[in-house]
Protein backbone atom coordinates (compact mmCIF):
# COMPACT_ATOMS: atom_id res chain seq x y z
CA UNK A 1 10.25 -4.44 -14.18
CA UNK A 2 10.79 -5.32 -10.52
CA UNK A 3 10.07 -8.78 -9.17
CA UNK A 4 6.81 -9.19 -7.26
CA UNK A 5 8.35 -9.38 -3.79
CA UNK A 6 10.68 -6.44 -4.47
CA UNK A 7 7.78 -4.41 -5.79
CA UNK A 8 5.67 -5.28 -2.74
CA UNK A 9 8.47 -4.16 -0.40
CA UNK A 10 8.85 -0.91 -2.35
CA UNK A 11 5.10 -0.28 -2.05
CA UNK A 12 5.18 -0.87 1.72
CA UNK A 13 8.10 1.54 2.15
CA UNK A 14 6.38 4.16 -0.01
CA UNK A 15 3.10 3.85 1.87
CA UNK A 16 4.64 4.01 5.34
CA UNK A 17 6.73 7.04 4.33
CA UNK A 18 3.59 8.94 3.30
CA UNK A 19 2.16 11.47 5.74
CA UNK A 20 -1.25 10.31 6.90
CA UNK A 21 -0.56 6.56 6.73
CA UNK A 22 -0.70 4.83 10.11
CA UNK A 23 0.07 1.27 9.01
CA UNK A 24 -0.43 -1.32 6.32
CA UNK A 25 -3.82 -3.00 6.06
CA UNK A 26 -4.17 -6.76 6.17
CA UNK A 27 -7.20 -7.22 3.94
CA UNK A 28 -10.78 -7.61 5.02
CA UNK A 29 -11.92 -11.09 3.95
CA UNK A 30 -8.73 -12.46 2.43
CA UNK A 31 -5.21 -11.66 3.59
CA UNK A 32 -3.64 -8.91 1.49
CA UNK A 33 -0.12 -10.16 0.89
CA UNK A 34 2.45 -11.07 -1.74
CA UNK A 35 4.21 -14.41 -1.39
CA UNK A 36 7.40 -15.76 -2.91
CA UNK A 37 8.98 -18.93 -1.58
CA UNK A 38 8.95 -18.72 2.22
CA UNK A 39 8.68 -14.93 2.24
CA UNK A 40 5.58 -12.80 2.61
CA UNK A 41 4.97 -9.05 2.38
CA UNK A 42 1.72 -8.10 4.11
CA UNK A 43 -0.41 -5.19 2.93
CA UNK A 44 0.33 -5.38 -0.80
CA UNK A 45 -1.01 -7.72 -3.45
CA UNK A 46 1.10 -7.82 -6.62
CA UNK A 47 -0.07 -9.72 -9.66
CA UNK A 48 0.70 -9.57 -13.36
CA UNK A 49 -1.65 -6.65 -14.06
CA UNK A 50 -2.14 -4.80 -10.79
CA UNK A 51 -0.59 -3.69 -7.50
CA UNK A 52 -3.10 -3.25 -4.68
CA UNK A 53 -1.80 -1.42 -1.62
CA UNK A 54 -3.85 -1.70 1.58
CA UNK A 55 -3.41 1.05 4.18
CA UNK A 56 -4.82 2.27 7.48
CA UNK A 57 -4.94 6.08 7.47
CA UNK A 58 -4.24 8.26 10.49
CA UNK A 59 -7.12 10.46 11.67
CA UNK A 60 -7.38 13.40 11.75
CA UNK A 61 -6.17 13.35 8.17
CA UNK A 62 -3.31 15.74 7.35
CA UNK A 63 -4.78 16.12 3.84
CA UNK A 64 -7.58 14.58 1.77
CA UNK A 65 -7.50 10.84 1.12
CA UNK A 66 -7.12 11.25 -2.67
CA UNK A 67 -3.94 13.25 -2.09
CA UNK A 68 -2.56 10.65 0.32
CA UNK A 69 -3.29 7.77 -2.05
CA UNK A 70 -1.96 9.78 -5.01
CA UNK A 71 1.35 10.32 -3.22
CA UNK A 72 1.67 6.59 -2.62
CA UNK A 73 0.92 5.80 -6.26
CA UNK A 74 3.45 8.38 -7.49
CA UNK A 75 6.18 6.77 -5.35
CA UNK A 76 5.39 3.23 -6.50
CA UNK A 77 4.71 3.95 -10.20
CA UNK A 78 8.35 3.92 -11.38
CA UNK A 79 8.75 0.33 -10.13
CA UNK A 80 5.31 -0.92 -11.20
CA UNK A 81 5.87 -0.83 -14.95
CA UNK A 82 2.54 -1.18 -16.78
CA UNK A 83 0.68 -2.52 -13.76
CA UNK A 84 -2.36 -0.61 -12.57
CA UNK A 85 -2.01 0.86 -9.07
CA UNK A 86 -4.84 0.73 -6.54
CA UNK A 87 -4.73 2.02 -2.96
CA UNK A 88 -7.37 0.67 -0.57
CA UNK A 89 -8.01 2.62 2.62
CA UNK A 90 -9.20 -0.15 4.93
CA UNK A 91 -9.62 1.78 8.13
CA UNK A 92 -8.80 4.91 10.09
CA UNK A 93 -6.67 4.95 13.22
CA UNK A 94 -8.00 7.72 15.45
CA UNK A 95 -5.36 9.61 17.42
CA UNK A 96 -5.79 9.60 21.17
CA UNK A 97 -7.00 12.95 22.49
């Protein structure tokens, strides 16, 4: 199983490579991040049982949100081991007309 920081980086890369994702979210009330030593990966919280990936989706959506989040989870699952995967859509970034 991947280390927490490595897993967080993998999740960020997977999310940003997914069509419909504008950016990583930062958390609403508490910063969404994984820390190890002096390093921090923002947008992903990795703990012993769960990986929570925070995203900002691009609007208009290229496909339904469940498909976007499912794609992210499929990309991260091989590295996550037995951890549960959760994708939180924090906001929508509306494209300029």
